[in-house]
Amino acid sequence: RVRGSVAQVPFDHFHRESASLIRQAVFGRDEGGHIRDSFAFPANNLVFTNIDIQSVEPVDQKTRDSLQKSVQLAIEITTKSQEAAARHEAERREQEAKGKLERQ
């Protein structure tokens, strides 16, 4: 159930909404479109009322490697962006300080 539901959504959407998507796959939705509060097995009256998601990992090694590479690339891009912003801010402050010194 869970794998089938997850396979139908883009990775970015799953990454942002994984807990909700997994709960929806396990419990289903009611007539109003809301995620149900429980799931029951009528054969033995076993009722699930909550799930605890310990981890979410791809089963396929190729997908896992690709995901790891994407995460590393995203971290590098974010780091470089933050470094560039900090460098730009430092240069702006330096120019501002030079301007004040020249006016004195």
N, C-alpha and C. Protein backbone atom coordinates (compact mmCIF):
# COMPACT_ATOMS: atom_id res chain seq x y z
N ARG A 1 0.81 -1.21 0.00
CA ARG A 1 0.00 0.00 0.00
C ARG A 1 0.84 1.26 0.00
N VAL A 2 1.82 1.32 0.90
CA VAL A 2 2.62 2.53 1.04
C VAL A 2 3.49 2.75 -0.20
N ARG A 3 4.20 1.72 -0.64
CA ARG A 3 5.06 1.87 -1.82
C ARG A 3 4.27 2.30 -3.04
N GLY A 4 3.10 1.71 -3.23
CA GLY A 4 2.28 2.07 -4.38
C GLY A 4 1.84 3.52 -4.33
N SER A 5 1.46 3.99 -3.16
CA SER A 5 1.03 5.39 -3.01
C SER A 5 2.18 6.35 -3.21
N VAL A 6 3.32 6.01 -2.65
CA VAL A 6 4.49 6.88 -2.74
C VAL A 6 5.00 6.96 -4.17
N ALA A 7 4.92 5.85 -4.90
CA ALA A 7 5.41 5.82 -6.28
C ALA A 7 4.62 6.74 -7.20
N GLN A 8 3.45 7.17 -6.79
CA GLN A 8 2.60 8.01 -7.63
C GLN A 8 2.86 9.50 -7.49
N VAL A 9 3.71 9.91 -6.56
CA VAL A 9 3.95 11.34 -6.34
C VAL A 9 5.40 11.68 -6.66
N PRO A 10 5.65 12.92 -7.12
CA PRO A 10 7.03 13.35 -7.38
C PRO A 10 7.85 13.35 -6.09
N PHE A 11 9.17 13.19 -6.23
CA PHE A 11 10.04 13.10 -5.07
C PHE A 11 9.94 14.33 -4.18
N ASP A 12 9.95 15.52 -4.77
CA ASP A 12 9.90 16.75 -3.97
C ASP A 12 8.65 16.80 -3.11
N HIS A 13 7.52 16.40 -3.70
CA HIS A 13 6.26 16.39 -2.94
C HIS A 13 6.34 15.37 -1.81
N PHE A 14 6.88 14.19 -2.10
CA PHE A 14 7.02 13.18 -1.05
C PHE A 14 7.94 13.68 0.06
N HIS A 15 9.04 14.32 -0.33
CA HIS A 15 10.01 14.80 0.66
C HIS A 15 9.36 15.80 1.62
N ARG A 16 8.48 16.66 1.11
CA ARG A 16 7.83 17.66 1.95
C ARG A 16 6.67 17.08 2.76
N GLU A 17 5.97 16.11 2.21
CA GLU A 17 4.73 15.62 2.80
C GLU A 17 4.77 14.13 3.16
N SER A 18 5.95 13.58 3.45
CA SER A 18 6.07 12.14 3.62
C SER A 18 5.18 11.58 4.72
N ALA A 19 5.13 12.22 5.88
CA ALA A 19 4.32 11.69 6.99
C ALA A 19 2.84 11.65 6.61
N SER A 20 2.35 12.70 6.00
CA SER A 20 0.94 12.75 5.60
C SER A 20 0.64 11.70 4.53
N LEU A 21 1.53 11.57 3.55
CA LEU A 21 1.32 10.58 2.48
C LEU A 21 1.32 9.15 3.02
N ILE A 22 2.21 8.87 3.96
CA ILE A 22 2.27 7.52 4.54
C ILE A 22 1.02 7.26 5.38
N ARG A 23 0.59 8.23 6.18
CA ARG A 23 -0.65 8.08 6.96
C ARG A 23 -1.84 7.86 6.04
N GLN A 24 -1.88 8.60 4.95
CA GLN A 24 -2.99 8.44 3.99
C GLN A 24 -2.96 7.05 3.37
N ALA A 25 -1.77 6.54 3.05
CA ALA A 25 -1.67 5.21 2.46
C ALA A 25 -2.13 4.13 3.44
N VAL A 26 -1.81 4.30 4.71
CA VAL A 26 -2.17 3.29 5.71
C VAL A 26 -3.64 3.39 6.10
N PHE A 27 -4.11 4.59 6.44
CA PHE A 27 -5.47 4.76 6.98
C PHE A 27 -6.52 5.04 5.92
N GLY A 28 -6.14 5.58 4.77
CA GLY A 28 -7.11 5.92 3.74
C GLY A 28 -7.78 7.25 4.05
N ARG A 29 -8.74 7.60 3.21
CA ARG A 29 -9.48 8.86 3.38
C ARG A 29 -10.97 8.56 3.55
N ASP A 30 -11.64 9.44 4.30
CA ASP A 30 -13.08 9.29 4.47
C ASP A 30 -13.81 10.00 3.32
N GLU A 31 -15.14 10.03 3.39
CA GLU A 31 -15.95 10.63 2.33
C GLU A 31 -15.67 12.12 2.16
N GLY A 32 -15.26 12.77 3.22
CA GLY A 32 -14.95 14.20 3.18
C GLY A 32 -13.55 14.50 2.69
N GLY A 33 -12.77 13.47 2.41
CA GLY A 33 -11.41 13.67 1.92
C GLY A 33 -10.36 13.79 3.02
N HIS A 34 -10.76 13.62 4.27
CA HIS A 34 -9.82 13.71 5.39
C HIS A 34 -9.20 12.34 5.67
N ILE A 35 -7.96 12.35 6.14
CA ILE A 35 -7.30 11.09 6.48
C ILE A 35 -8.01 10.48 7.69
N ARG A 36 -8.35 9.20 7.57
CA ARG A 36 -9.06 8.52 8.66
C ARG A 36 -8.18 8.41 9.91
N ASP A 37 -8.81 8.21 11.06
CA ASP A 37 -8.11 8.11 12.34
C ASP A 37 -7.66 6.69 12.67
N SER A 38 -8.20 5.70 11.94
CA SER A 38 -7.84 4.32 12.25
C SER A 38 -8.03 3.44 11.02
N PHE A 39 -7.46 2.24 11.10
CA PHE A 39 -7.63 1.23 10.07
C PHE A 39 -7.87 -0.10 10.77
N ALA A 40 -8.93 -0.79 10.39
CA ALA A 40 -9.30 -2.03 11.08
C ALA A 40 -9.26 -3.22 10.12
N PHE A 41 -8.80 -4.36 10.67
CA PHE A 41 -8.86 -5.63 9.96
C PHE A 41 -10.08 -6.37 10.51
N PRO A 42 -11.15 -6.51 9.73
CA PRO A 42 -12.36 -7.14 10.23
C PRO A 42 -12.18 -8.63 10.58
N ALA A 43 -11.23 -9.30 9.96
CA ALA A 43 -11.04 -10.73 10.21
C ALA A 43 -10.67 -11.02 11.67
N ASN A 44 -9.87 -10.14 12.28
CA ASN A 44 -9.46 -10.40 13.65
C ASN A 44 -9.67 -9.19 14.57
N ASN A 45 -10.35 -8.18 14.09
CA ASN A 45 -10.65 -6.96 14.84
C ASN A 45 -9.41 -6.19 15.29
N LEU A 46 -8.29 -6.37 14.60
CA LEU A 46 -7.09 -5.59 14.87
C LEU A 46 -7.30 -4.18 14.33
N VAL A 47 -7.05 -3.17 15.16
CA VAL A 47 -7.27 -1.78 14.77
C VAL A 47 -5.97 -0.99 14.97
N PHE A 48 -5.54 -0.32 13.90
CA PHE A 48 -4.41 0.60 13.99
C PHE A 48 -4.96 2.00 14.20
N THR A 49 -4.45 2.70 15.19
CA THR A 49 -4.91 4.06 15.44
C THR A 49 -3.80 5.09 15.25
N ASN A 50 -2.58 4.61 15.10
CA ASN A 50 -1.46 5.52 14.91
C ASN A 50 -0.30 4.75 14.28
N ILE A 51 0.57 5.46 13.60
CA ILE A 51 1.78 4.86 13.07
C ILE A 51 2.96 5.73 13.46
N ASP A 52 4.09 5.09 13.70
CA ASP A 52 5.31 5.79 14.06
C ASP A 52 6.31 5.55 12.94
N ILE A 53 6.65 6.60 12.21
CA ILE A 53 7.56 6.48 11.07
C ILE A 53 8.99 6.64 11.59
N GLN A 54 9.73 5.55 11.61
CA GLN A 54 11.10 5.57 12.12
C GLN A 54 12.07 6.14 11.10
N SER A 55 11.94 5.72 9.84
CA SER A 55 12.81 6.23 8.78
C SER A 55 12.14 5.98 7.44
N VAL A 56 12.60 6.72 6.46
CA VAL A 56 12.10 6.57 5.10
C VAL A 56 13.33 6.41 4.21
N GLU A 57 13.48 5.22 3.62
CA GLU A 57 14.64 4.94 2.78
C GLU A 57 14.19 4.24 1.50
N PRO A 58 14.83 4.59 0.38
CA PRO A 58 14.52 3.87 -0.86
C PRO A 58 15.03 2.43 -0.77
N VAL A 59 14.29 1.52 -1.35
CA VAL A 59 14.67 0.11 -1.33
C VAL A 59 15.75 -0.15 -2.39
N ASP A 60 15.61 0.49 -3.53
CA ASP A 60 16.53 0.29 -4.65
C ASP A 60 17.85 1.02 -4.40
N GLN A 61 18.98 0.31 -4.51
CA GLN A 61 20.30 0.89 -4.25
C GLN A 61 20.61 2.03 -5.22
N LYS A 62 20.22 1.89 -6.47
CA LYS A 62 20.46 2.94 -7.46
C LYS A 62 19.72 4.22 -7.07
N THR A 63 18.48 4.08 -6.62
CA THR A 63 17.70 5.23 -6.18
C THR A 63 18.32 5.83 -4.93
N ARG A 64 18.76 5.00 -4.02
CA ARG A 64 19.39 5.48 -2.79
C ARG A 64 20.65 6.29 -3.11
N ASP A 65 21.49 5.78 -4.02
CA ASP A 65 22.71 6.49 -4.41
C ASP A 65 22.38 7.82 -5.08
N SER A 66 21.38 7.80 -5.95
CA SER A 66 20.96 9.02 -6.64
C SER A 66 20.43 10.05 -5.65
N LEU A 67 19.67 9.60 -4.68
CA LEU A 67 19.13 10.49 -3.66
C LEU A 67 20.26 11.10 -2.83
N GLN A 68 21.22 10.28 -2.44
CA GLN A 68 22.36 10.78 -1.66
C GLN A 68 23.13 11.83 -2.45
N LYS A 69 23.33 11.57 -3.74
CA LYS A 69 24.04 12.52 -4.59
C LYS A 69 23.25 13.83 -4.69
N SER A 70 21.93 13.74 -4.82
CA SER A 70 21.09 14.94 -4.90
C SER A 70 21.15 15.75 -3.61
N VAL A 71 21.14 15.06 -2.49
CA VAL A 71 21.21 15.75 -1.19
C VAL A 71 22.55 16.45 -1.05
N GLN A 72 23.64 15.78 -1.41
CA GLN A 72 24.96 16.39 -1.33
C GLN A 72 25.05 17.61 -2.23
N LEU A 73 24.51 17.51 -3.44
CA LEU A 73 24.53 18.63 -4.37
C LEU A 73 23.72 19.80 -3.83
N ALA A 74 22.57 19.52 -3.25
CA ALA A 74 21.73 20.59 -2.67
C ALA A 74 22.46 21.28 -1.52
N ILE A 75 23.17 20.52 -0.70
CA ILE A 75 23.94 21.10 0.40
C ILE A 75 25.05 22.00 -0.15
N GLU A 76 25.75 21.53 -1.18
CA GLU A 76 26.82 22.33 -1.79
C GLU A 76 26.26 23.63 -2.37
N ILE A 77 25.15 23.55 -3.06
CA ILE A 77 24.54 24.74 -3.66
C ILE A 77 24.14 25.73 -2.58
N THR A 78 23.53 25.24 -1.52
CA THR A 78 23.11 26.11 -0.42
C THR A 78 24.32 26.76 0.25
N THR A 79 25.36 25.98 0.47
CA THR A 79 26.57 26.50 1.10
C THR A 79 27.21 27.58 0.24
N LYS A 80 27.34 27.33 -1.05
CA LYS A 80 27.94 28.31 -1.96
C LYS A 80 27.09 29.58 -2.02
N SER A 81 25.80 29.43 -2.02
CA SER A 81 24.90 30.58 -2.04
C SER A 81 25.07 31.43 -0.78
N GLN A 82 25.15 30.76 0.37
CA GLN A 82 25.33 31.48 1.63
C GLN A 82 26.69 32.17 1.67
N GLU A 83 27.72 31.49 1.16
CA GLU A 83 29.05 32.10 1.12
C GLU A 83 29.06 33.33 0.22
N ALA A 84 28.41 33.24 -0.94
CA ALA A 84 28.35 34.37 -1.86
C ALA A 84 27.59 35.54 -1.23
N ALA A 85 26.51 35.25 -0.54
CA ALA A 85 25.73 36.31 0.11
C ALA A 85 26.56 36.98 1.21
N ALA A 86 27.29 36.18 1.98
CA ALA A 86 28.13 36.73 3.04
C ALA A 86 29.26 37.57 2.44
N ARG A 87 29.86 37.10 1.36
CA ARG A 87 30.93 37.84 0.69
C ARG A 87 30.40 39.17 0.15
N HIS A 88 29.23 39.12 -0.45
CA HIS A 88 28.60 40.34 -0.99
C HIS A 88 28.32 41.35 0.13
N GLU A 89 27.80 40.85 1.25
CA GLU A 89 27.50 41.73 2.39
C GLU A 89 28.79 42.34 2.96
N ALA A 90 29.85 41.54 3.03
CA ALA A 90 31.14 42.05 3.53
C ALA A 90 31.69 43.12 2.60
N GLU A 91 31.59 42.90 1.31
CA GLU A 91 32.06 43.90 0.34
C GLU A 91 31.24 45.18 0.43
N ARG A 92 29.93 45.04 0.61
CA ARG A 92 29.07 46.21 0.73
C ARG A 92 29.45 47.03 1.96
N ARG A 93 29.67 46.34 3.07
CA ARG A 93 30.07 47.05 4.31
C ARG A 93 31.43 47.71 4.15
N GLU A 94 32.34 47.03 3.46
CA GLU A 94 33.66 47.61 3.24
C GLU A 94 33.57 48.88 2.40
N GLN A 95 32.75 48.83 1.34
CA GLN A 95 32.56 50.01 0.49
C GLN A 95 31.92 51.15 1.27
N GLU A 96 30.96 50.79 2.11
CA GLU A 96 30.28 51.78 2.93
C GLU A 96 31.27 52.44 3.90
N ALA A 97 32.13 51.64 4.51
CA ALA A 97 33.15 52.17 5.44
C ALA A 97 34.14 53.06 4.71
N LYS A 98 34.56 52.67 3.50
CA LYS A 98 35.48 53.49 2.71
C LYS A 98 34.83 54.82 2.36
N GLY A 99 33.56 54.78 2.03
CA GLY A 99 32.85 56.00 1.68
C GLY A 99 32.80 56.97 2.87
N LYS A 100 32.57 56.44 4.03
CA LYS A 100 32.52 57.28 5.24
C LYS A 100 33.89 57.90 5.53
N LEU A 101 34.96 57.09 5.34
CA LEU A 101 36.31 57.59 5.58
C LEU A 101 36.67 58.70 4.59
N GLU A 102 36.28 58.54 3.34
CA GLU A 102 36.58 59.54 2.32
C GLU A 102 35.85 60.85 2.59
N ARG A 103 34.68 60.79 3.19
CA ARG A 103 33.90 62.00 3.47
C ARG A 103 34.45 62.75 4.67
N GLN A 104 35.23 62.11 5.50
CA GLN A 104 35.76 62.78 6.70
C GLN A 104 36.89 63.69 6.41
